[in-house]
Amino acid sequence: MARNPGSITTYMIKLLHFGRSCKAYLRLYMDHPPDVLLDCEDCGCRLHKHGRYYRSVTTKREMLRIPIYRQYCPDCGTTVSLLPDFLVPWARCVTWVREAAMVRRQKGFTWRQILTSTASPSVRYSRRTLKRWRKRYEQKAASAAMRLASQLTRAGYDGDLLGMYPEKINPGPADTLNWLQKLLSIYCPVKPWRRGYWAFLNTRLPVAEQL
């Protein structure tokens, strides 16, 4: 969430499922906004449609330009951008490509192997970008894992979730990443079709904690 200096307008971002892929999203919403009814999280007033802007998105094989639709609260001035769940605010590359890259790294792939297996030459990203993704993943994994563990407990799961943590003494970032993957496999036992876990998970996380 961000507040525009010098005004009362508040900008918010909400992730929702708007299709299984970028191309499906474009087929459905290239010229028409999603038909969703939302209430303002600040004041409870019903939001109104409020135009769109365009954003570049990189998939495994190509770069696309997609519309991002907005809604507006006439009561308190909040503007909400509706992002499809295959995106997060800070990243140009689709979420399942970033996840595939990080999963490969956990399995021991080299940076070069990851680069060649997760993107075509026409959209190739750099090793520096991969390392930036890894750093962010490590920073966000602990809070995401704790939130998942809390949700599983509230839902009635009676297994020892903390006992699944790989290393109890002097744990490192890799241990937290492995724990998160175990929790994800419980939280979503059927892996979403070709999309990985992150797109599903990010719709349930605050923007600041999204992977």
N, C-alpha and C. Protein backbone atom coordinates (compact mmCIF):
# COMPACT_ATOMS: atom_id res chain seq x y z
N MET A 1 0.85 -1.19 0.00
CA MET A 1 0.00 0.00 0.00
C MET A 1 0.88 1.23 0.00
N ALA A 2 0.49 2.28 -0.74
CA ALA A 2 1.27 3.51 -0.80
C ALA A 2 0.32 4.69 -0.80
N ARG A 3 0.78 5.79 -0.18
CA ARG A 3 -0.02 7.00 -0.16
C ARG A 3 0.65 8.06 -1.02
N ASN A 4 -0.09 8.64 -1.91
CA ASN A 4 0.44 9.64 -2.81
C ASN A 4 0.70 10.94 -2.05
N PRO A 5 1.98 11.43 -2.00
CA PRO A 5 2.28 12.64 -1.26
C PRO A 5 1.43 13.81 -1.75
N GLY A 6 0.93 14.59 -0.79
CA GLY A 6 0.18 15.78 -1.15
C GLY A 6 -1.27 15.51 -1.50
N SER A 7 -1.73 14.29 -1.33
CA SER A 7 -3.13 13.99 -1.62
C SER A 7 -3.64 12.98 -0.62
N ILE A 8 -4.92 12.67 -0.69
CA ILE A 8 -5.50 11.69 0.23
C ILE A 8 -5.69 10.34 -0.45
N THR A 9 -5.19 10.21 -1.68
CA THR A 9 -5.36 8.96 -2.41
C THR A 9 -4.43 7.88 -1.88
N THR A 10 -4.98 6.73 -1.58
CA THR A 10 -4.19 5.58 -1.15
C THR A 10 -4.23 4.53 -2.25
N TYR A 11 -3.05 3.99 -2.58
CA TYR A 11 -2.95 2.98 -3.63
C TYR A 11 -2.72 1.62 -2.99
N MET A 12 -3.51 0.64 -3.41
CA MET A 12 -3.39 -0.71 -2.89
C MET A 12 -3.31 -1.69 -4.05
N ILE A 13 -2.80 -2.87 -3.77
CA ILE A 13 -2.67 -3.93 -4.77
C ILE A 13 -3.34 -5.19 -4.24
N LYS A 14 -4.12 -5.83 -5.09
CA LYS A 14 -4.80 -7.07 -4.70
C LYS A 14 -4.56 -8.12 -5.77
N LEU A 15 -4.07 -9.30 -5.36
CA LEU A 15 -3.85 -10.41 -6.29
C LEU A 15 -5.07 -11.31 -6.33
N LEU A 16 -5.53 -11.62 -7.54
CA LEU A 16 -6.67 -12.49 -7.73
C LEU A 16 -6.39 -13.45 -8.89
N HIS A 17 -7.10 -14.56 -8.88
CA HIS A 17 -6.93 -15.54 -9.97
C HIS A 17 -7.78 -15.12 -11.16
N PHE A 18 -7.12 -14.75 -12.26
CA PHE A 18 -7.81 -14.29 -13.46
C PHE A 18 -7.47 -15.14 -14.68
N GLY A 19 -7.15 -16.41 -14.49
CA GLY A 19 -6.82 -17.26 -15.62
C GLY A 19 -5.58 -18.08 -15.35
N ARG A 20 -5.43 -19.18 -16.10
CA ARG A 20 -4.34 -20.12 -15.86
C ARG A 20 -3.02 -19.69 -16.47
N SER A 21 -3.03 -18.70 -17.34
CA SER A 21 -1.81 -18.26 -18.01
C SER A 21 -1.96 -16.82 -18.46
N CYS A 22 -0.85 -16.25 -18.91
CA CYS A 22 -0.88 -14.88 -19.43
C CYS A 22 -1.79 -14.77 -20.65
N LYS A 23 -1.68 -15.74 -21.54
CA LYS A 23 -2.49 -15.69 -22.75
C LYS A 23 -3.98 -15.88 -22.45
N ALA A 24 -4.28 -16.72 -21.47
CA ALA A 24 -5.68 -16.87 -21.06
C ALA A 24 -6.20 -15.56 -20.48
N TYR A 25 -5.36 -14.89 -19.71
CA TYR A 25 -5.74 -13.59 -19.15
C TYR A 25 -6.02 -12.59 -20.27
N LEU A 26 -5.16 -12.56 -21.29
CA LEU A 26 -5.36 -11.63 -22.39
C LEU A 26 -6.63 -11.95 -23.18
N ARG A 27 -6.91 -13.23 -23.38
CA ARG A 27 -8.14 -13.60 -24.09
C ARG A 27 -9.38 -13.11 -23.35
N LEU A 28 -9.32 -13.19 -22.03
CA LEU A 28 -10.49 -12.84 -21.23
C LEU A 28 -10.62 -11.34 -20.98
N TYR A 29 -9.46 -10.66 -20.81
CA TYR A 29 -9.52 -9.30 -20.27
C TYR A 29 -8.74 -8.27 -21.08
N MET A 30 -8.41 -8.58 -22.30
CA MET A 30 -7.68 -7.60 -23.11
C MET A 30 -8.49 -6.32 -23.28
N ASP A 31 -9.78 -6.45 -23.48
CA ASP A 31 -10.62 -5.27 -23.76
C ASP A 31 -11.71 -5.05 -22.72
N HIS A 32 -11.85 -5.98 -21.78
CA HIS A 32 -12.92 -5.86 -20.79
C HIS A 32 -12.37 -6.16 -19.40
N PRO A 33 -12.73 -5.39 -18.39
CA PRO A 33 -12.23 -5.64 -17.04
C PRO A 33 -12.87 -6.88 -16.42
N PRO A 34 -12.21 -7.51 -15.46
CA PRO A 34 -12.81 -8.64 -14.76
C PRO A 34 -14.09 -8.21 -14.05
N ASP A 35 -15.05 -9.09 -14.04
CA ASP A 35 -16.34 -8.79 -13.41
C ASP A 35 -16.27 -9.22 -11.94
N VAL A 36 -15.62 -8.39 -11.13
CA VAL A 36 -15.48 -8.69 -9.70
C VAL A 36 -16.05 -7.54 -8.89
N LEU A 37 -16.69 -7.88 -7.78
CA LEU A 37 -17.23 -6.89 -6.86
C LEU A 37 -16.40 -6.91 -5.59
N LEU A 38 -15.80 -5.78 -5.28
CA LEU A 38 -14.94 -5.68 -4.11
C LEU A 38 -15.37 -4.51 -3.24
N ASP A 39 -15.16 -4.67 -1.95
CA ASP A 39 -15.39 -3.58 -1.01
C ASP A 39 -14.05 -3.02 -0.55
N CYS A 40 -14.03 -1.75 -0.26
CA CYS A 40 -12.81 -1.08 0.20
C CYS A 40 -12.37 -1.66 1.54
N GLU A 41 -11.11 -2.01 1.66
CA GLU A 41 -10.60 -2.57 2.91
C GLU A 41 -10.44 -1.50 3.99
N ASP A 42 -10.44 -0.23 3.57
CA ASP A 42 -10.30 0.86 4.54
C ASP A 42 -11.63 1.27 5.15
N CYS A 43 -12.68 1.43 4.29
CA CYS A 43 -13.94 1.97 4.80
C CYS A 43 -15.14 1.09 4.54
N GLY A 44 -14.99 0.03 3.75
CA GLY A 44 -16.10 -0.89 3.50
C GLY A 44 -17.01 -0.51 2.35
N CYS A 45 -16.76 0.63 1.70
CA CYS A 45 -17.60 1.08 0.59
C CYS A 45 -17.35 0.21 -0.64
N ARG A 46 -18.36 0.01 -1.48
CA ARG A 46 -18.21 -0.76 -2.70
C ARG A 46 -17.31 -0.01 -3.69
N LEU A 47 -16.33 -0.72 -4.25
CA LEU A 47 -15.40 -0.11 -5.20
C LEU A 47 -16.04 0.01 -6.58
N HIS A 48 -15.60 1.03 -7.34
CA HIS A 48 -16.06 1.25 -8.71
C HIS A 48 -14.92 1.00 -9.68
N LYS A 49 -15.26 0.60 -10.90
CA LYS A 49 -14.24 0.43 -11.94
C LYS A 49 -13.56 1.76 -12.21
N HIS A 50 -12.23 1.67 -12.46
CA HIS A 50 -11.45 2.92 -12.53
C HIS A 50 -10.34 2.82 -13.58
N GLY A 51 -10.67 2.31 -14.76
CA GLY A 51 -9.72 2.31 -15.86
C GLY A 51 -8.66 1.23 -15.75
N ARG A 52 -7.57 1.43 -16.46
CA ARG A 52 -6.51 0.43 -16.52
C ARG A 52 -5.20 1.10 -16.90
N TYR A 53 -4.12 0.38 -16.66
CA TYR A 53 -2.82 0.76 -17.20
C TYR A 53 -2.18 -0.50 -17.76
N TYR A 54 -1.07 -0.36 -18.45
CA TYR A 54 -0.45 -1.52 -19.10
C TYR A 54 0.91 -1.82 -18.47
N ARG A 55 1.23 -3.09 -18.49
CA ARG A 55 2.47 -3.56 -17.85
C ARG A 55 3.10 -4.65 -18.70
N SER A 56 4.41 -4.61 -18.80
CA SER A 56 5.14 -5.64 -19.53
C SER A 56 5.36 -6.85 -18.63
N VAL A 57 5.17 -8.03 -19.21
CA VAL A 57 5.30 -9.28 -18.47
C VAL A 57 6.17 -10.23 -19.28
N THR A 58 7.12 -10.87 -18.62
CA THR A 58 8.00 -11.82 -19.29
C THR A 58 7.65 -13.25 -18.88
N THR A 59 7.35 -14.08 -19.86
CA THR A 59 7.10 -15.49 -19.62
C THR A 59 8.37 -16.28 -19.98
N LYS A 60 8.25 -17.58 -20.04
CA LYS A 60 9.42 -18.39 -20.39
C LYS A 60 9.87 -18.14 -21.82
N ARG A 61 8.93 -17.77 -22.71
CA ARG A 61 9.25 -17.69 -24.13
C ARG A 61 9.08 -16.32 -24.77
N GLU A 62 8.38 -15.39 -24.10
CA GLU A 62 8.11 -14.12 -24.76
C GLU A 62 7.79 -13.03 -23.75
N MET A 63 7.80 -11.80 -24.26
CA MET A 63 7.39 -10.66 -23.46
C MET A 63 6.04 -10.18 -23.96
N LEU A 64 5.11 -9.96 -23.04
CA LEU A 64 3.76 -9.54 -23.38
C LEU A 64 3.43 -8.22 -22.69
N ARG A 65 2.47 -7.53 -23.25
CA ARG A 65 1.98 -6.30 -22.63
C ARG A 65 0.52 -6.54 -22.25
N ILE A 66 0.23 -6.45 -20.97
CA ILE A 66 -1.11 -6.80 -20.50
C ILE A 66 -1.74 -5.62 -19.76
N PRO A 67 -3.06 -5.53 -19.78
CA PRO A 67 -3.73 -4.48 -19.02
C PRO A 67 -3.87 -4.87 -17.55
N ILE A 68 -3.68 -3.91 -16.68
CA ILE A 68 -3.93 -4.07 -15.25
C ILE A 68 -5.09 -3.15 -14.90
N TYR A 69 -6.17 -3.73 -14.43
CA TYR A 69 -7.38 -2.95 -14.16
C TYR A 69 -7.37 -2.43 -12.72
N ARG A 70 -8.05 -1.30 -12.55
CA ARG A 70 -8.10 -0.66 -11.24
C ARG A 70 -9.55 -0.45 -10.80
N GLN A 71 -9.72 -0.38 -9.49
CA GLN A 71 -11.00 0.00 -8.92
C GLN A 71 -10.76 1.13 -7.91
N TYR A 72 -11.82 1.90 -7.67
CA TYR A 72 -11.68 3.13 -6.90
C TYR A 72 -12.78 3.24 -5.86
N CYS A 73 -12.43 3.71 -4.67
CA CYS A 73 -13.40 3.93 -3.62
C CYS A 73 -13.85 5.39 -3.64
N PRO A 74 -15.12 5.65 -3.96
CA PRO A 74 -15.58 7.04 -4.02
C PRO A 74 -15.69 7.69 -2.65
N ASP A 75 -15.64 6.89 -1.61
CA ASP A 75 -15.80 7.44 -0.26
C ASP A 75 -14.49 7.93 0.33
N CYS A 76 -13.44 7.08 0.30
CA CYS A 76 -12.17 7.46 0.95
C CYS A 76 -11.04 7.70 -0.04
N GLY A 77 -11.29 7.47 -1.33
CA GLY A 77 -10.28 7.78 -2.34
C GLY A 77 -9.25 6.70 -2.59
N THR A 78 -9.42 5.52 -2.02
CA THR A 78 -8.48 4.43 -2.24
C THR A 78 -8.58 3.89 -3.67
N THR A 79 -7.44 3.71 -4.31
CA THR A 79 -7.38 3.08 -5.63
C THR A 79 -6.72 1.71 -5.50
N VAL A 80 -7.37 0.68 -6.05
CA VAL A 80 -6.87 -0.69 -5.94
C VAL A 80 -6.53 -1.22 -7.33
N SER A 81 -5.30 -1.67 -7.51
CA SER A 81 -4.89 -2.33 -8.75
C SER A 81 -5.12 -3.83 -8.60
N LEU A 82 -5.77 -4.43 -9.59
CA LEU A 82 -6.09 -5.86 -9.56
C LEU A 82 -5.06 -6.63 -10.38
N LEU A 83 -4.10 -7.23 -9.71
CA LEU A 83 -3.06 -7.99 -10.39
C LEU A 83 -3.48 -9.45 -10.54
N PRO A 84 -3.27 -10.03 -11.73
CA PRO A 84 -3.45 -11.48 -11.86
C PRO A 84 -2.44 -12.20 -10.97
N ASP A 85 -2.80 -13.37 -10.49
CA ASP A 85 -1.95 -14.02 -9.48
C ASP A 85 -0.62 -14.53 -10.02
N PHE A 86 -0.40 -14.43 -11.32
CA PHE A 86 0.92 -14.84 -11.84
C PHE A 86 1.93 -13.70 -11.78
N LEU A 87 1.56 -12.59 -11.16
CA LEU A 87 2.47 -11.46 -11.00
C LEU A 87 2.55 -11.05 -9.54
N VAL A 88 3.64 -10.37 -9.20
CA VAL A 88 3.72 -9.64 -7.94
C VAL A 88 4.15 -8.21 -8.30
N PRO A 89 3.92 -7.25 -7.42
CA PRO A 89 4.18 -5.85 -7.79
C PRO A 89 5.58 -5.53 -8.26
N TRP A 90 6.57 -6.19 -7.69
CA TRP A 90 7.96 -5.80 -7.95
C TRP A 90 8.59 -6.53 -9.14
N ALA A 91 7.99 -7.61 -9.63
CA ALA A 91 8.65 -8.48 -10.61
C ALA A 91 8.02 -8.37 -11.99
N ARG A 92 8.85 -8.33 -13.00
CA ARG A 92 8.37 -8.34 -14.38
C ARG A 92 8.15 -9.77 -14.87
N CYS A 93 8.95 -10.71 -14.37
CA CYS A 93 8.85 -12.10 -14.81
C CYS A 93 7.70 -12.80 -14.08
N VAL A 94 6.97 -13.66 -14.79
CA VAL A 94 5.83 -14.33 -14.18
C VAL A 94 6.28 -15.20 -13.01
N THR A 95 5.39 -15.39 -12.07
CA THR A 95 5.72 -16.03 -10.81
C THR A 95 6.18 -17.47 -10.99
N TRP A 96 5.56 -18.23 -11.89
CA TRP A 96 5.93 -19.64 -11.99
C TRP A 96 7.32 -19.82 -12.60
N VAL A 97 7.80 -18.88 -13.38
CA VAL A 97 9.17 -18.97 -13.89
C VAL A 97 10.16 -18.72 -12.75
N ARG A 98 9.87 -17.72 -11.92
CA ARG A 98 10.75 -17.45 -10.78
C ARG A 98 10.77 -18.64 -9.82
N GLU A 99 9.60 -19.23 -9.59
CA GLU A 99 9.55 -20.39 -8.71
C GLU A 99 10.33 -21.57 -9.29
N ALA A 100 10.17 -21.82 -10.58
CA ALA A 100 10.90 -22.92 -11.21
C ALA A 100 12.41 -22.72 -11.08
N ALA A 101 12.85 -21.48 -11.21
CA ALA A 101 14.28 -21.19 -11.08
C ALA A 101 14.77 -21.49 -9.67
N MET A 102 13.99 -21.09 -8.67
CA MET A 102 14.41 -21.30 -7.28
C MET A 102 14.34 -22.77 -6.87
N VAL A 103 13.36 -23.48 -7.37
CA VAL A 103 13.27 -24.92 -7.08
C VAL A 103 14.48 -25.64 -7.67
N ARG A 104 14.86 -25.26 -8.87
CA ARG A 104 16.05 -25.88 -9.49
C ARG A 104 17.30 -25.58 -8.67
N ARG A 105 17.40 -24.37 -8.15
CA ARG A 105 18.58 -24.03 -7.35
C ARG A 105 18.62 -24.89 -6.09
N GLN A 106 17.48 -25.12 -5.46
CA GLN A 106 17.44 -25.97 -4.28
C GLN A 106 17.84 -27.40 -4.59
N LYS A 107 17.61 -27.81 -5.84
CA LYS A 107 17.97 -29.18 -6.25
C LYS A 107 19.43 -29.28 -6.68
N GLY A 108 20.15 -28.16 -6.65
CA GLY A 108 21.58 -28.20 -6.96
C GLY A 108 21.96 -27.79 -8.36
N PHE A 109 21.03 -27.27 -9.15
CA PHE A 109 21.36 -26.79 -10.48
C PHE A 109 22.32 -25.61 -10.39
N THR A 110 23.22 -25.51 -11.36
CA THR A 110 24.06 -24.32 -11.44
C THR A 110 23.25 -23.15 -11.99
N TRP A 111 23.79 -21.94 -11.81
CA TRP A 111 23.09 -20.77 -12.35
C TRP A 111 22.95 -20.89 -13.87
N ARG A 112 23.96 -21.39 -14.53
CA ARG A 112 23.90 -21.54 -15.98
C ARG A 112 22.81 -22.54 -16.39
N GLN A 113 22.73 -23.65 -15.68
CA GLN A 113 21.68 -24.63 -15.99
C GLN A 113 20.29 -24.04 -15.78
N ILE A 114 20.14 -23.23 -14.74
CA ILE A 114 18.85 -22.60 -14.49
C ILE A 114 18.50 -21.62 -15.60
N LEU A 115 19.47 -20.84 -16.02
CA LEU A 115 19.23 -19.86 -17.07
C LEU A 115 18.75 -20.52 -18.36
N THR A 116 19.37 -21.63 -18.72
CA THR A 116 19.04 -22.27 -19.99
C THR A 116 17.76 -23.11 -19.92
N SER A 117 17.35 -23.51 -18.71
CA SER A 117 16.19 -24.40 -18.59
C SER A 117 14.89 -23.66 -18.25
N THR A 118 14.97 -22.42 -17.85
CA THR A 118 13.75 -21.71 -17.44
C THR A 118 13.40 -20.55 -18.36
N ALA A 119 14.20 -20.28 -19.36
CA ALA A 119 13.89 -19.17 -20.29
C ALA A 119 14.48 -19.46 -21.65
N SER A 120 13.77 -19.05 -22.68
CA SER A 120 14.28 -19.18 -24.04
C SER A 120 15.28 -18.06 -24.32
N PRO A 121 16.13 -18.21 -25.35
CA PRO A 121 17.12 -17.17 -25.66
C PRO A 121 16.51 -15.79 -25.91
N SER A 122 15.28 -15.75 -26.37
CA SER A 122 14.67 -14.45 -26.70
C SER A 122 14.32 -13.63 -25.46
N VAL A 123 14.20 -14.28 -24.30
CA VAL A 123 13.86 -13.55 -23.07
C VAL A 123 14.85 -13.84 -21.95
N ARG A 124 16.03 -14.25 -22.29
CA ARG A 124 17.01 -14.67 -21.30
C ARG A 124 17.30 -13.56 -20.30
N TYR A 125 17.30 -13.90 -19.01
CA TYR A 125 17.67 -12.96 -17.98
C TYR A 125 19.06 -13.30 -17.46
N SER A 126 19.60 -12.46 -16.62
CA SER A 126 20.99 -12.58 -16.22
C SER A 126 21.17 -13.39 -14.94
N ARG A 127 22.39 -13.82 -14.70
CA ARG A 127 22.72 -14.50 -13.45
C ARG A 127 22.50 -13.57 -12.26
N ARG A 128 22.76 -12.30 -12.47
CA ARG A 128 22.54 -11.31 -11.41
C ARG A 128 21.07 -11.26 -11.01
N THR A 129 20.18 -11.36 -12.00
CA THR A 129 18.75 -11.38 -11.71
C THR A 129 18.38 -12.62 -10.91
N LEU A 130 18.91 -13.77 -11.28
CA LEU A 130 18.64 -14.99 -10.53
C LEU A 130 19.09 -14.87 -9.08
N LYS A 131 20.25 -14.29 -8.86
CA LYS A 131 20.75 -14.13 -7.49
C LYS A 131 19.88 -13.16 -6.70
N ARG A 132 19.35 -12.16 -7.37
CA ARG A 132 18.44 -11.23 -6.70
C ARG A 132 17.15 -11.95 -6.30
N TRP A 133 16.64 -12.83 -7.19
CA TRP A 133 15.46 -13.63 -6.85
C TRP A 133 15.74 -14.52 -5.65
N ARG A 134 16.91 -15.13 -5.64
CA ARG A 134 17.27 -16.03 -4.55
C ARG A 134 17.34 -15.28 -3.22
N LYS A 135 17.93 -14.10 -3.26
CA LYS A 135 18.05 -13.31 -2.03
C LYS A 135 16.67 -12.94 -1.50
N ARG A 136 15.77 -12.53 -2.39
CA ARG A 136 14.42 -12.18 -1.96
C ARG A 136 13.68 -13.40 -1.43
N TYR A 137 13.84 -14.53 -2.10
CA TYR A 137 13.18 -15.76 -1.66
C TYR A 137 13.62 -16.12 -0.25
N GLU A 138 14.91 -16.04 0.01
CA GLU A 138 15.42 -16.35 1.34
C GLU A 138 14.88 -15.38 2.38
N GLN A 139 14.72 -14.11 2.01
CA GLN A 139 14.22 -13.11 2.94
C GLN A 139 12.74 -13.32 3.27
N LYS A 140 11.97 -13.80 2.29
CA LYS A 140 10.53 -13.92 2.47
C LYS A 140 10.09 -15.29 2.95
N ALA A 141 10.96 -16.29 2.84
CA ALA A 141 10.54 -17.67 3.12
C ALA A 141 10.09 -17.88 4.56
N ALA A 142 10.80 -17.29 5.52
CA ALA A 142 10.47 -17.54 6.93
C ALA A 142 9.07 -17.04 7.28
N SER A 143 8.74 -15.81 6.87
CA SER A 143 7.42 -15.27 7.20
C SER A 143 6.33 -16.04 6.46
N ALA A 144 6.59 -16.44 5.21
CA ALA A 144 5.61 -17.23 4.47
C ALA A 144 5.39 -18.59 5.14
N ALA A 145 6.48 -19.22 5.59
CA ALA A 145 6.37 -20.53 6.23
C ALA A 145 5.60 -20.43 7.56
N MET A 146 5.89 -19.40 8.36
CA MET A 146 5.19 -19.24 9.63
C MET A 146 3.70 -18.97 9.41
N ARG A 147 3.38 -18.20 8.38
CA ARG A 147 1.97 -17.93 8.09
C ARG A 147 1.27 -19.22 7.64
N LEU A 148 1.95 -20.01 6.81
CA LEU A 148 1.37 -21.29 6.38
C LEU A 148 1.15 -22.22 7.56
N ALA A 149 2.15 -22.32 8.44
CA ALA A 149 2.03 -23.19 9.61
C ALA A 149 0.86 -22.76 10.48
N SER A 150 0.69 -21.45 10.65
CA SER A 150 -0.43 -20.93 11.45
C SER A 150 -1.77 -21.27 10.81
N GLN A 151 -1.87 -21.11 9.49
CA GLN A 151 -3.12 -21.42 8.80
C GLN A 151 -3.44 -22.91 8.86
N LEU A 152 -2.42 -23.75 8.72
CA LEU A 152 -2.64 -25.19 8.81
C LEU A 152 -3.12 -25.59 10.20
N THR A 153 -2.53 -24.98 11.22
CA THR A 153 -2.94 -25.29 12.59
C THR A 153 -4.38 -24.88 12.84
N ARG A 154 -4.76 -23.67 12.39
CA ARG A 154 -6.13 -23.21 12.56
C ARG A 154 -7.13 -24.08 11.80
N ALA A 155 -6.65 -24.66 10.68
CA ALA A 155 -7.54 -25.52 9.88
C ALA A 155 -7.69 -26.92 10.46
N GLY A 156 -6.93 -27.22 11.53
CA GLY A 156 -7.09 -28.50 12.21
C GLY A 156 -6.00 -29.51 11.95
N TYR A 157 -4.94 -29.12 11.23
CA TYR A 157 -3.85 -30.08 11.00
C TYR A 157 -3.14 -30.35 12.32
N ASP A 158 -3.00 -31.64 12.68
CA ASP A 158 -2.47 -31.98 14.00
C ASP A 158 -1.07 -32.58 13.94
N GLY A 159 -0.41 -32.49 12.79
CA GLY A 159 0.97 -32.97 12.70
C GLY A 159 1.94 -32.01 13.34
N ASP A 160 3.15 -32.46 13.56
CA ASP A 160 4.20 -31.64 14.18
C ASP A 160 4.88 -30.81 13.09
N LEU A 161 4.35 -29.65 12.82
CA LEU A 161 4.87 -28.81 11.74
C LEU A 161 6.27 -28.29 12.04
N LEU A 162 6.49 -27.88 13.28
CA LEU A 162 7.83 -27.40 13.64
C LEU A 162 8.85 -28.53 13.60
N GLY A 163 8.37 -29.75 13.89
CA GLY A 163 9.27 -30.90 13.84
C GLY A 163 9.75 -31.23 12.44
N MET A 164 9.09 -30.67 11.42
CA MET A 164 9.50 -30.89 10.05
C MET A 164 10.69 -30.03 9.64
N TYR A 165 11.04 -29.07 10.51
CA TYR A 165 12.17 -28.19 10.17
C TYR A 165 13.44 -29.03 10.10
N PRO A 166 14.18 -28.96 8.99
CA PRO A 166 15.28 -29.89 8.77
C PRO A 166 16.40 -29.82 9.80
N GLU A 167 16.77 -28.63 10.23
CA GLU A 167 17.93 -28.47 11.11
C GLU A 167 17.56 -27.60 12.30
N LYS A 168 17.56 -28.19 13.49
CA LYS A 168 17.15 -27.45 14.69
C LYS A 168 18.29 -26.61 15.27
N ILE A 169 19.53 -27.02 15.03
CA ILE A 169 20.68 -26.31 15.60
C ILE A 169 21.42 -25.59 14.47
N ASN A 170 21.64 -24.29 14.66
CA ASN A 170 22.32 -23.47 13.66
C ASN A 170 21.70 -23.62 12.26
N PRO A 171 20.42 -23.40 12.14
CA PRO A 171 19.80 -23.55 10.81
C PRO A 171 20.26 -22.44 9.86
N GLY A 172 20.26 -22.75 8.58
CA GLY A 172 20.61 -21.78 7.56
C GLY A 172 19.43 -21.50 6.67
N PRO A 173 19.59 -20.56 5.72
CA PRO A 173 18.48 -20.23 4.81
C PRO A 173 17.93 -21.43 4.05
N ALA A 174 18.82 -22.36 3.66
CA ALA A 174 18.37 -23.53 2.91
C ALA A 174 17.41 -24.39 3.73
N ASP A 175 17.60 -24.43 5.05
CA ASP A 175 16.71 -25.21 5.91
C ASP A 175 15.30 -24.60 5.91
N THR A 176 15.25 -23.27 5.98
CA THR A 176 13.94 -22.60 5.95
C THR A 176 13.25 -22.82 4.62
N LEU A 177 14.00 -22.77 3.51
CA LEU A 177 13.42 -23.00 2.20
C LEU A 177 12.86 -24.41 2.09
N ASN A 178 13.60 -25.38 2.62
CA ASN A 178 13.12 -26.77 2.58
C ASN A 178 11.86 -26.95 3.43
N TRP A 179 11.82 -26.27 4.56
CA TRP A 179 10.64 -26.34 5.44
C TRP A 179 9.43 -25.74 4.73
N LEU A 180 9.63 -24.61 4.08
CA LEU A 180 8.54 -23.98 3.34
C LEU A 180 7.99 -24.93 2.27
N GLN A 181 8.87 -25.62 1.55
CA GLN A 181 8.42 -26.55 0.52
C GLN A 181 7.60 -27.69 1.12
N LYS A 182 7.99 -28.18 2.29
CA LYS A 182 7.23 -29.24 2.95
C LYS A 182 5.84 -28.74 3.36
N LEU A 183 5.79 -27.53 3.89
CA LEU A 183 4.51 -26.96 4.29
C LEU A 183 3.60 -26.75 3.08
N LEU A 184 4.19 -26.29 1.98
CA LEU A 184 3.41 -26.08 0.77
C LEU A 184 2.79 -27.38 0.26
N SER A 185 3.53 -28.47 0.37
CA SER A 185 3.02 -29.76 -0.11
C SER A 185 1.85 -30.25 0.74
N ILE A 186 1.79 -29.80 2.00
CA ILE A 186 0.65 -30.14 2.87
C ILE A 186 -0.51 -29.18 2.61
N TYR A 187 -0.19 -27.91 2.51
CA TYR A 187 -1.21 -26.88 2.33
C TYR A 187 -1.94 -27.03 1.00
N CYS A 188 -1.18 -27.45 -0.01
CA CYS A 188 -1.76 -27.62 -1.35
C CYS A 188 -1.27 -28.97 -1.89
N PRO A 189 -1.87 -30.09 -1.44
CA PRO A 189 -1.35 -31.42 -1.77
C PRO A 189 -1.34 -31.73 -3.26
N VAL A 190 -2.25 -31.14 -4.02
CA VAL A 190 -2.25 -31.33 -5.47
C VAL A 190 -1.62 -30.11 -6.09
N LYS A 191 -0.44 -30.26 -6.65
CA LYS A 191 0.28 -29.12 -7.20
C LYS A 191 -0.50 -28.52 -8.36
N PRO A 192 -0.76 -27.21 -8.33
CA PRO A 192 -1.52 -26.58 -9.41
C PRO A 192 -0.89 -26.83 -10.77
N TRP A 193 -1.71 -27.01 -11.75
CA TRP A 193 -1.28 -27.36 -13.10
C TRP A 193 -0.27 -26.37 -13.65
N ARG A 194 0.98 -26.82 -13.81
CA ARG A 194 2.05 -26.07 -14.46
C ARG A 194 2.34 -24.72 -13.82
N ARG A 195 1.70 -24.42 -12.72
CA ARG A 195 1.82 -23.09 -12.15
C ARG A 195 2.63 -23.06 -10.87
N GLY A 196 2.99 -24.20 -10.34
CA GLY A 196 3.69 -24.21 -9.08
C GLY A 196 2.79 -23.80 -7.92
N TYR A 197 3.43 -23.52 -6.78
CA TYR A 197 2.71 -23.17 -5.57
C TYR A 197 2.61 -21.66 -5.34
N TRP A 198 3.59 -20.92 -5.81
CA TRP A 198 3.70 -19.52 -5.38
C TRP A 198 2.50 -18.67 -5.81
N ALA A 199 2.02 -18.84 -7.02
CA ALA A 199 0.89 -18.04 -7.49
C ALA A 199 -0.33 -18.27 -6.59
N PHE A 200 -0.54 -19.52 -6.22
CA PHE A 200 -1.63 -19.85 -5.30
C PHE A 200 -1.39 -19.23 -3.93
N LEU A 201 -0.17 -19.35 -3.43
CA LEU A 201 0.15 -18.86 -2.10
C LEU A 201 0.09 -17.34 -2.01
N ASN A 202 0.57 -16.66 -3.04
CA ASN A 202 0.67 -15.20 -2.97
C ASN A 202 -0.69 -14.52 -2.82
N THR A 203 -1.76 -15.15 -3.30
CA THR A 203 -3.09 -14.56 -3.12
C THR A 203 -3.52 -14.59 -1.67
N ARG A 204 -2.82 -15.36 -0.85
CA ARG A 204 -3.16 -15.51 0.57
C ARG A 204 -2.16 -14.82 1.48
N LEU A 205 -1.19 -14.12 0.91
CA LEU A 205 -0.18 -13.42 1.69
C LEU A 205 -0.32 -11.91 1.53
N PRO A 206 0.01 -11.14 2.56
CA PRO A 206 0.09 -9.69 2.39
C PRO A 206 1.11 -9.34 1.31
N VAL A 207 0.90 -8.21 0.66
CA VAL A 207 1.79 -7.82 -0.43
C VAL A 207 3.26 -7.83 0.00
N ALA A 208 3.54 -7.36 1.20
CA ALA A 208 4.93 -7.27 1.67
C ALA A 208 5.58 -8.63 1.86
N GLU A 209 4.78 -9.71 1.96
CA GLU A 209 5.33 -11.04 2.20
C GLU A 209 5.29 -11.95 0.98
N GLN A 210 4.78 -11.46 -0.12
CA GLN A 210 4.63 -12.32 -1.30
C GLN A 210 5.97 -12.75 -1.87
N LEU A 211 6.01 -14.00 -2.37
CA LEU A 211 7.24 -14.57 -2.89
C LEU A 211 7.49 -14.13 -4.32
